[in-house]
Amino acid sequence: MSERPLASVPLVAAWRWWTGLLLIAAGAAYMSSLAYAEGLPEIFRVVPQFDKVVHFTVAGLLAFFLDGALGRRTLFAGSRVAVPIAAVAVLAPAGVEEYLQRYSTHRTSSIWDFAADVAGVVVLVALSRRVQ
C-alpha cells in the first residue's frame, strides 16, 4: 500500500472550503437584496462606517474560502506578479456592482466601499495562504 507524504495531504478538506464559500455567498446575496429593498438593519444607519466593516469582512471571507477551494491557484503563475484567481473573481464583480449602485435609487456608489472590499480580499487571501 502506497501512502502519500504528509506534506501533500491537505489539512483542510476541500468540501469545507466549498461549504464556507457557499454559506458566505448566500449571506452576501441576502444582504445585497436587503440593501436594494431598503431593508438593512438599523445598525447600518446608527453605527458610522459599519458598512465598511461589512464590505471588508464579506469580500475577504468570499476570497478566503474561494482561494482555499481553488487550491490557491494564481494568474500569471510563471511571472513575478502572481495574482490569486480568488482575488480577481471576487473583486471584478464587486467593482462592477459598486459602480452600478450609482444607478439605484436605494444605494450609493462609493470608492471607499470598494477600497474596503480590496483590503478585505488582500488580508484574508494572505491568511488563506497560511492555512493548509
N, C-alpha and C. Protein backbone atom coordinates (compact mmCIF):
# COMPACT_ATOMS: atom_id res chain seq x y z
N MET A 1 0.84 -1.17 0.00
CA MET A 1 0.00 0.00 0.00
C MET A 1 0.89 1.24 0.00
N SER A 2 0.66 2.11 -0.93
CA SER A 2 1.45 3.33 -1.07
C SER A 2 0.76 4.47 -0.34
N GLU A 3 1.48 5.13 0.53
CA GLU A 3 0.92 6.26 1.27
C GLU A 3 1.51 7.55 0.74
N ARG A 4 0.68 8.61 0.71
CA ARG A 4 1.15 9.91 0.27
C ARG A 4 1.95 10.56 1.39
N PRO A 5 2.98 11.32 1.03
CA PRO A 5 3.73 12.03 2.06
C PRO A 5 2.83 13.03 2.78
N LEU A 6 3.10 13.25 4.04
CA LEU A 6 2.28 14.14 4.86
C LEU A 6 2.20 15.54 4.27
N ALA A 7 3.25 16.02 3.66
CA ALA A 7 3.27 17.38 3.11
C ALA A 7 2.26 17.56 1.98
N SER A 8 1.89 16.49 1.28
CA SER A 8 0.97 16.63 0.16
C SER A 8 -0.49 16.41 0.56
N VAL A 9 -0.75 16.08 1.80
CA VAL A 9 -2.11 15.87 2.26
C VAL A 9 -2.65 17.17 2.85
N PRO A 10 -3.71 17.73 2.25
CA PRO A 10 -4.26 18.97 2.78
C PRO A 10 -4.89 18.74 4.15
N LEU A 11 -4.64 19.67 5.07
CA LEU A 11 -5.20 19.54 6.41
C LEU A 11 -6.65 19.99 6.46
N VAL A 12 -7.06 20.84 5.51
CA VAL A 12 -8.45 21.28 5.44
C VAL A 12 -9.06 20.62 4.21
N ALA A 13 -10.09 19.83 4.42
CA ALA A 13 -10.74 19.12 3.32
C ALA A 13 -11.39 20.11 2.36
N ALA A 14 -11.38 19.77 1.08
CA ALA A 14 -11.92 20.66 0.05
C ALA A 14 -13.39 21.01 0.30
N TRP A 15 -14.16 20.08 0.78
CA TRP A 15 -15.59 20.35 0.99
C TRP A 15 -15.80 21.45 2.02
N ARG A 16 -14.87 21.59 2.95
CA ARG A 16 -15.01 22.66 3.95
C ARG A 16 -14.85 24.03 3.30
N TRP A 17 -13.89 24.14 2.37
CA TRP A 17 -13.70 25.42 1.66
C TRP A 17 -14.95 25.76 0.85
N TRP A 18 -15.49 24.77 0.12
CA TRP A 18 -16.66 25.00 -0.71
C TRP A 18 -17.90 25.30 0.13
N THR A 19 -18.03 24.62 1.27
CA THR A 19 -19.17 24.88 2.15
C THR A 19 -19.11 26.30 2.72
N GLY A 20 -17.93 26.69 3.16
CA GLY A 20 -17.75 28.06 3.67
C GLY A 20 -18.07 29.10 2.61
N LEU A 21 -17.59 28.84 1.39
CA LEU A 21 -17.87 29.77 0.29
C LEU A 21 -19.36 29.86 0.02
N LEU A 22 -20.04 28.73 -0.01
CA LEU A 22 -21.48 28.72 -0.26
C LEU A 22 -22.24 29.50 0.82
N LEU A 23 -21.87 29.30 2.07
CA LEU A 23 -22.56 29.99 3.17
C LEU A 23 -22.34 31.50 3.12
N ILE A 24 -21.09 31.91 2.87
CA ILE A 24 -20.80 33.34 2.80
C ILE A 24 -21.48 33.97 1.58
N ALA A 25 -21.46 33.27 0.45
CA ALA A 25 -22.11 33.80 -0.77
C ALA A 25 -23.61 33.95 -0.56
N ALA A 26 -24.23 32.98 0.11
CA ALA A 26 -25.67 33.07 0.38
C ALA A 26 -25.96 34.25 1.30
N GLY A 27 -25.15 34.43 2.32
CA GLY A 27 -25.33 35.58 3.21
C GLY A 27 -25.13 36.90 2.49
N ALA A 28 -24.12 36.96 1.62
CA ALA A 28 -23.86 38.18 0.86
C ALA A 28 -25.01 38.50 -0.08
N ALA A 29 -25.55 37.48 -0.74
CA ALA A 29 -26.68 37.68 -1.65
C ALA A 29 -27.90 38.17 -0.88
N TYR A 30 -28.12 37.61 0.29
CA TYR A 30 -29.25 38.03 1.12
C TYR A 30 -29.10 39.49 1.56
N MET A 31 -27.90 39.85 2.04
CA MET A 31 -27.66 41.23 2.48
C MET A 31 -27.79 42.21 1.32
N SER A 32 -27.31 41.81 0.16
CA SER A 32 -27.41 42.68 -1.01
C SER A 32 -28.87 42.91 -1.40
N SER A 33 -29.66 41.84 -1.36
CA SER A 33 -31.08 42.00 -1.70
C SER A 33 -31.79 42.89 -0.67
N LEU A 34 -31.41 42.78 0.60
CA LEU A 34 -31.97 43.66 1.62
C LEU A 34 -31.59 45.12 1.35
N ALA A 35 -30.35 45.34 0.95
CA ALA A 35 -29.88 46.71 0.70
C ALA A 35 -30.65 47.34 -0.45
N TYR A 36 -30.89 46.58 -1.51
CA TYR A 36 -31.62 47.14 -2.65
C TYR A 36 -33.09 47.37 -2.32
N ALA A 37 -33.61 46.65 -1.34
CA ALA A 37 -35.00 46.82 -0.93
C ALA A 37 -35.14 47.76 0.26
N GLU A 38 -34.06 48.43 0.62
CA GLU A 38 -34.01 49.33 1.78
C GLU A 38 -34.43 48.62 3.07
N GLY A 39 -33.95 47.39 3.24
CA GLY A 39 -34.33 46.63 4.41
C GLY A 39 -33.17 46.26 5.31
N LEU A 40 -32.05 46.97 5.18
CA LEU A 40 -30.90 46.66 6.03
C LEU A 40 -31.21 46.98 7.49
N PRO A 41 -30.63 46.23 8.42
CA PRO A 41 -30.85 46.51 9.83
C PRO A 41 -30.43 47.93 10.20
N GLU A 42 -31.00 48.43 11.26
CA GLU A 42 -30.76 49.80 11.73
C GLU A 42 -29.29 50.08 12.04
N ILE A 43 -28.54 49.06 12.39
CA ILE A 43 -27.13 49.25 12.75
C ILE A 43 -26.34 49.90 11.62
N PHE A 44 -26.76 49.69 10.38
CA PHE A 44 -26.08 50.31 9.24
C PHE A 44 -26.26 51.83 9.23
N ARG A 45 -27.34 52.31 9.81
CA ARG A 45 -27.56 53.75 9.88
C ARG A 45 -27.02 54.35 11.17
N VAL A 46 -27.02 53.57 12.23
CA VAL A 46 -26.64 54.08 13.56
C VAL A 46 -25.13 54.10 13.77
N VAL A 47 -24.45 53.06 13.35
CA VAL A 47 -23.00 52.95 13.58
C VAL A 47 -22.26 53.50 12.37
N PRO A 48 -21.49 54.59 12.57
CA PRO A 48 -20.75 55.17 11.45
C PRO A 48 -19.75 54.17 10.86
N GLN A 49 -19.71 54.12 9.55
CA GLN A 49 -18.77 53.29 8.79
C GLN A 49 -18.96 51.78 8.99
N PHE A 50 -20.09 51.37 9.54
CA PHE A 50 -20.34 49.95 9.75
C PHE A 50 -20.35 49.20 8.41
N ASP A 51 -20.83 49.87 7.38
CA ASP A 51 -20.87 49.22 6.07
C ASP A 51 -19.47 48.89 5.56
N LYS A 52 -18.47 49.69 5.93
CA LYS A 52 -17.08 49.40 5.52
C LYS A 52 -16.58 48.11 6.18
N VAL A 53 -16.95 47.92 7.43
CA VAL A 53 -16.58 46.69 8.15
C VAL A 53 -17.22 45.49 7.47
N VAL A 54 -18.47 45.63 7.07
CA VAL A 54 -19.17 44.54 6.39
C VAL A 54 -18.54 44.27 5.02
N HIS A 55 -18.22 45.33 4.28
CA HIS A 55 -17.56 45.15 2.98
C HIS A 55 -16.24 44.40 3.16
N PHE A 56 -15.42 44.83 4.10
CA PHE A 56 -14.13 44.19 4.37
C PHE A 56 -14.33 42.71 4.69
N THR A 57 -15.25 42.44 5.60
CA THR A 57 -15.47 41.08 6.08
C THR A 57 -16.04 40.16 5.01
N VAL A 58 -17.08 40.60 4.34
CA VAL A 58 -17.75 39.74 3.36
C VAL A 58 -16.85 39.48 2.15
N ALA A 59 -16.28 40.52 1.57
CA ALA A 59 -15.39 40.33 0.41
C ALA A 59 -14.18 39.48 0.82
N GLY A 60 -13.64 39.75 1.99
CA GLY A 60 -12.49 38.99 2.47
C GLY A 60 -12.82 37.52 2.67
N LEU A 61 -13.95 37.24 3.29
CA LEU A 61 -14.33 35.84 3.52
C LEU A 61 -14.64 35.11 2.22
N LEU A 62 -15.28 35.81 1.27
CA LEU A 62 -15.53 35.19 -0.03
C LEU A 62 -14.20 34.79 -0.68
N ALA A 63 -13.24 35.70 -0.66
CA ALA A 63 -11.94 35.42 -1.26
C ALA A 63 -11.18 34.36 -0.48
N PHE A 64 -11.28 34.38 0.85
CA PHE A 64 -10.61 33.40 1.70
C PHE A 64 -11.05 31.99 1.34
N PHE A 65 -12.37 31.76 1.33
CA PHE A 65 -12.88 30.42 1.05
C PHE A 65 -12.69 30.04 -0.41
N LEU A 66 -12.84 30.98 -1.33
CA LEU A 66 -12.64 30.67 -2.75
C LEU A 66 -11.18 30.33 -3.02
N ASP A 67 -10.27 31.04 -2.40
CA ASP A 67 -8.84 30.76 -2.58
C ASP A 67 -8.51 29.34 -2.11
N GLY A 68 -9.04 28.95 -0.97
CA GLY A 68 -8.83 27.59 -0.48
C GLY A 68 -9.48 26.56 -1.38
N ALA A 69 -10.70 26.85 -1.83
CA ALA A 69 -11.42 25.90 -2.68
C ALA A 69 -10.72 25.70 -4.02
N LEU A 70 -10.10 26.75 -4.52
CA LEU A 70 -9.41 26.66 -5.81
C LEU A 70 -7.97 26.18 -5.67
N GLY A 71 -7.60 25.80 -4.48
CA GLY A 71 -6.24 25.30 -4.27
C GLY A 71 -5.18 26.38 -4.40
N ARG A 72 -5.55 27.61 -4.09
CA ARG A 72 -4.63 28.75 -4.11
C ARG A 72 -4.01 28.99 -5.49
N ARG A 73 -4.79 28.79 -6.52
CA ARG A 73 -4.30 29.00 -7.89
C ARG A 73 -4.11 30.48 -8.17
N THR A 74 -3.17 30.78 -9.07
CA THR A 74 -2.88 32.16 -9.41
C THR A 74 -2.90 32.36 -10.92
N LEU A 75 -3.11 33.60 -11.31
CA LEU A 75 -2.94 34.02 -12.70
C LEU A 75 -1.49 34.44 -12.86
N PHE A 76 -0.93 34.27 -14.02
CA PHE A 76 0.46 34.65 -14.29
C PHE A 76 1.42 33.93 -13.35
N ALA A 77 1.20 32.64 -13.15
CA ALA A 77 1.97 31.86 -12.18
C ALA A 77 3.47 31.89 -12.45
N GLY A 78 3.89 31.99 -13.70
CA GLY A 78 5.31 31.98 -14.01
C GLY A 78 5.98 33.33 -13.87
N SER A 79 5.21 34.37 -13.66
CA SER A 79 5.80 35.71 -13.60
C SER A 79 6.06 36.14 -12.16
N ARG A 80 6.66 37.32 -12.02
CA ARG A 80 6.92 37.85 -10.67
C ARG A 80 5.65 38.33 -9.99
N VAL A 81 4.64 38.63 -10.78
CA VAL A 81 3.38 39.14 -10.23
C VAL A 81 2.31 38.07 -10.39
N ALA A 82 2.21 37.18 -9.44
CA ALA A 82 1.19 36.13 -9.46
C ALA A 82 -0.03 36.63 -8.70
N VAL A 83 -1.15 36.73 -9.39
CA VAL A 83 -2.37 37.26 -8.80
C VAL A 83 -3.30 36.10 -8.45
N PRO A 84 -3.76 36.01 -7.21
CA PRO A 84 -4.69 34.94 -6.86
C PRO A 84 -5.98 35.03 -7.68
N ILE A 85 -6.39 33.92 -8.24
CA ILE A 85 -7.63 33.89 -9.02
C ILE A 85 -8.81 34.30 -8.15
N ALA A 86 -8.79 33.90 -6.89
CA ALA A 86 -9.89 34.24 -5.98
C ALA A 86 -10.04 35.75 -5.84
N ALA A 87 -8.93 36.48 -5.79
CA ALA A 87 -8.99 37.93 -5.65
C ALA A 87 -9.68 38.56 -6.86
N VAL A 88 -9.32 38.10 -8.05
CA VAL A 88 -9.93 38.63 -9.27
C VAL A 88 -11.41 38.24 -9.33
N ALA A 89 -11.71 37.00 -8.98
CA ALA A 89 -13.08 36.50 -9.05
C ALA A 89 -14.01 37.21 -8.07
N VAL A 90 -13.48 37.72 -6.98
CA VAL A 90 -14.30 38.45 -6.02
C VAL A 90 -14.33 39.94 -6.35
N LEU A 91 -13.17 40.52 -6.66
CA LEU A 91 -13.11 41.97 -6.83
C LEU A 91 -13.69 42.47 -8.15
N ALA A 92 -13.60 41.70 -9.22
CA ALA A 92 -14.14 42.16 -10.50
C ALA A 92 -15.66 42.40 -10.41
N PRO A 93 -16.44 41.40 -9.97
CA PRO A 93 -17.88 41.67 -9.87
C PRO A 93 -18.22 42.68 -8.76
N ALA A 94 -17.42 42.70 -7.69
CA ALA A 94 -17.67 43.68 -6.62
C ALA A 94 -17.48 45.10 -7.14
N GLY A 95 -16.45 45.30 -7.96
CA GLY A 95 -16.21 46.63 -8.53
C GLY A 95 -17.32 47.05 -9.48
N VAL A 96 -17.77 46.13 -10.32
CA VAL A 96 -18.86 46.42 -11.26
C VAL A 96 -20.14 46.73 -10.48
N GLU A 97 -20.44 45.92 -9.49
CA GLU A 97 -21.66 46.13 -8.69
C GLU A 97 -21.59 47.46 -7.94
N GLU A 98 -20.45 47.79 -7.40
CA GLU A 98 -20.29 49.06 -6.67
C GLU A 98 -20.51 50.24 -7.62
N TYR A 99 -19.97 50.15 -8.83
CA TYR A 99 -20.16 51.21 -9.82
C TYR A 99 -21.64 51.33 -10.21
N LEU A 100 -22.30 50.20 -10.44
CA LEU A 100 -23.70 50.22 -10.88
C LEU A 100 -24.66 50.72 -9.80
N GLN A 101 -24.21 50.76 -8.56
CA GLN A 101 -25.07 51.27 -7.49
C GLN A 101 -25.45 52.72 -7.72
N ARG A 102 -24.65 53.45 -8.50
CA ARG A 102 -24.98 54.85 -8.77
C ARG A 102 -26.29 54.99 -9.53
N TYR A 103 -26.75 53.92 -10.16
CA TYR A 103 -28.00 53.96 -10.91
C TYR A 103 -29.19 53.44 -10.10
N SER A 104 -28.95 53.08 -8.86
CA SER A 104 -30.02 52.60 -7.99
C SER A 104 -30.55 53.74 -7.14
N THR A 105 -31.85 53.73 -6.92
CA THR A 105 -32.44 54.78 -6.09
C THR A 105 -32.19 54.55 -4.60
N HIS A 106 -31.87 53.31 -4.23
CA HIS A 106 -31.71 52.98 -2.81
C HIS A 106 -30.27 52.73 -2.39
N ARG A 107 -29.33 52.80 -3.31
CA ARG A 107 -27.92 52.51 -2.99
C ARG A 107 -27.06 53.69 -3.38
N THR A 108 -25.89 53.77 -2.79
CA THR A 108 -24.93 54.81 -3.17
C THR A 108 -23.61 54.14 -3.54
N SER A 109 -23.04 54.60 -4.61
CA SER A 109 -21.76 54.08 -5.08
C SER A 109 -20.64 54.80 -4.31
N SER A 110 -19.66 54.03 -3.83
CA SER A 110 -18.59 54.62 -3.03
C SER A 110 -17.27 53.92 -3.31
N ILE A 111 -16.28 54.72 -3.65
CA ILE A 111 -14.94 54.17 -3.84
C ILE A 111 -14.41 53.59 -2.53
N TRP A 112 -14.86 54.14 -1.41
CA TRP A 112 -14.39 53.67 -0.10
C TRP A 112 -14.97 52.31 0.25
N ASP A 113 -16.17 52.02 -0.22
CA ASP A 113 -16.72 50.67 -0.04
C ASP A 113 -15.87 49.68 -0.83
N PHE A 114 -15.52 50.05 -2.06
CA PHE A 114 -14.69 49.15 -2.86
C PHE A 114 -13.29 49.02 -2.26
N ALA A 115 -12.77 50.10 -1.70
CA ALA A 115 -11.46 50.03 -1.03
C ALA A 115 -11.51 49.06 0.15
N ALA A 116 -12.63 49.05 0.86
CA ALA A 116 -12.80 48.10 1.97
C ALA A 116 -12.85 46.67 1.44
N ASP A 117 -13.51 46.48 0.28
CA ASP A 117 -13.52 45.16 -0.36
C ASP A 117 -12.10 44.71 -0.69
N VAL A 118 -11.33 45.60 -1.29
CA VAL A 118 -9.95 45.28 -1.69
C VAL A 118 -9.11 44.93 -0.45
N ALA A 119 -9.23 45.74 0.59
CA ALA A 119 -8.46 45.48 1.81
C ALA A 119 -8.82 44.13 2.41
N GLY A 120 -10.11 43.81 2.46
CA GLY A 120 -10.55 42.52 2.99
C GLY A 120 -10.01 41.36 2.17
N VAL A 121 -10.03 41.50 0.86
CA VAL A 121 -9.53 40.44 -0.01
C VAL A 121 -8.03 40.24 0.19
N VAL A 122 -7.28 41.33 0.24
CA VAL A 122 -5.83 41.23 0.41
C VAL A 122 -5.49 40.54 1.73
N VAL A 123 -6.11 40.97 2.81
CA VAL A 123 -5.81 40.42 4.13
C VAL A 123 -6.23 38.96 4.24
N LEU A 124 -7.45 38.65 3.80
CA LEU A 124 -7.93 37.28 4.01
C LEU A 124 -7.38 36.27 3.00
N VAL A 125 -6.98 36.72 1.80
CA VAL A 125 -6.30 35.79 0.89
C VAL A 125 -4.93 35.46 1.47
N ALA A 126 -4.26 36.46 2.02
CA ALA A 126 -2.96 36.19 2.67
C ALA A 126 -3.14 35.20 3.81
N LEU A 127 -4.21 35.35 4.58
CA LEU A 127 -4.49 34.41 5.67
C LEU A 127 -4.81 33.03 5.12
N SER A 128 -5.58 32.96 4.04
CA SER A 128 -5.91 31.68 3.42
C SER A 128 -4.65 30.92 3.01
N ARG A 129 -3.68 31.66 2.55
CA ARG A 129 -2.45 31.02 2.08
C ARG A 129 -1.59 30.51 3.23
N ARG A 130 -1.90 30.91 4.44
CA ARG A 130 -1.19 30.40 5.62
C ARG A 130 -1.88 29.17 6.19
N VAL A 131 -3.16 28.99 5.86
CA VAL A 131 -3.93 27.84 6.34
C VAL A 131 -3.74 26.70 5.35
N GLN A 132 -3.34 25.56 5.84
CA GLN A 132 -3.14 24.42 4.94
C GLN A 132 -4.18 23.37 5.19
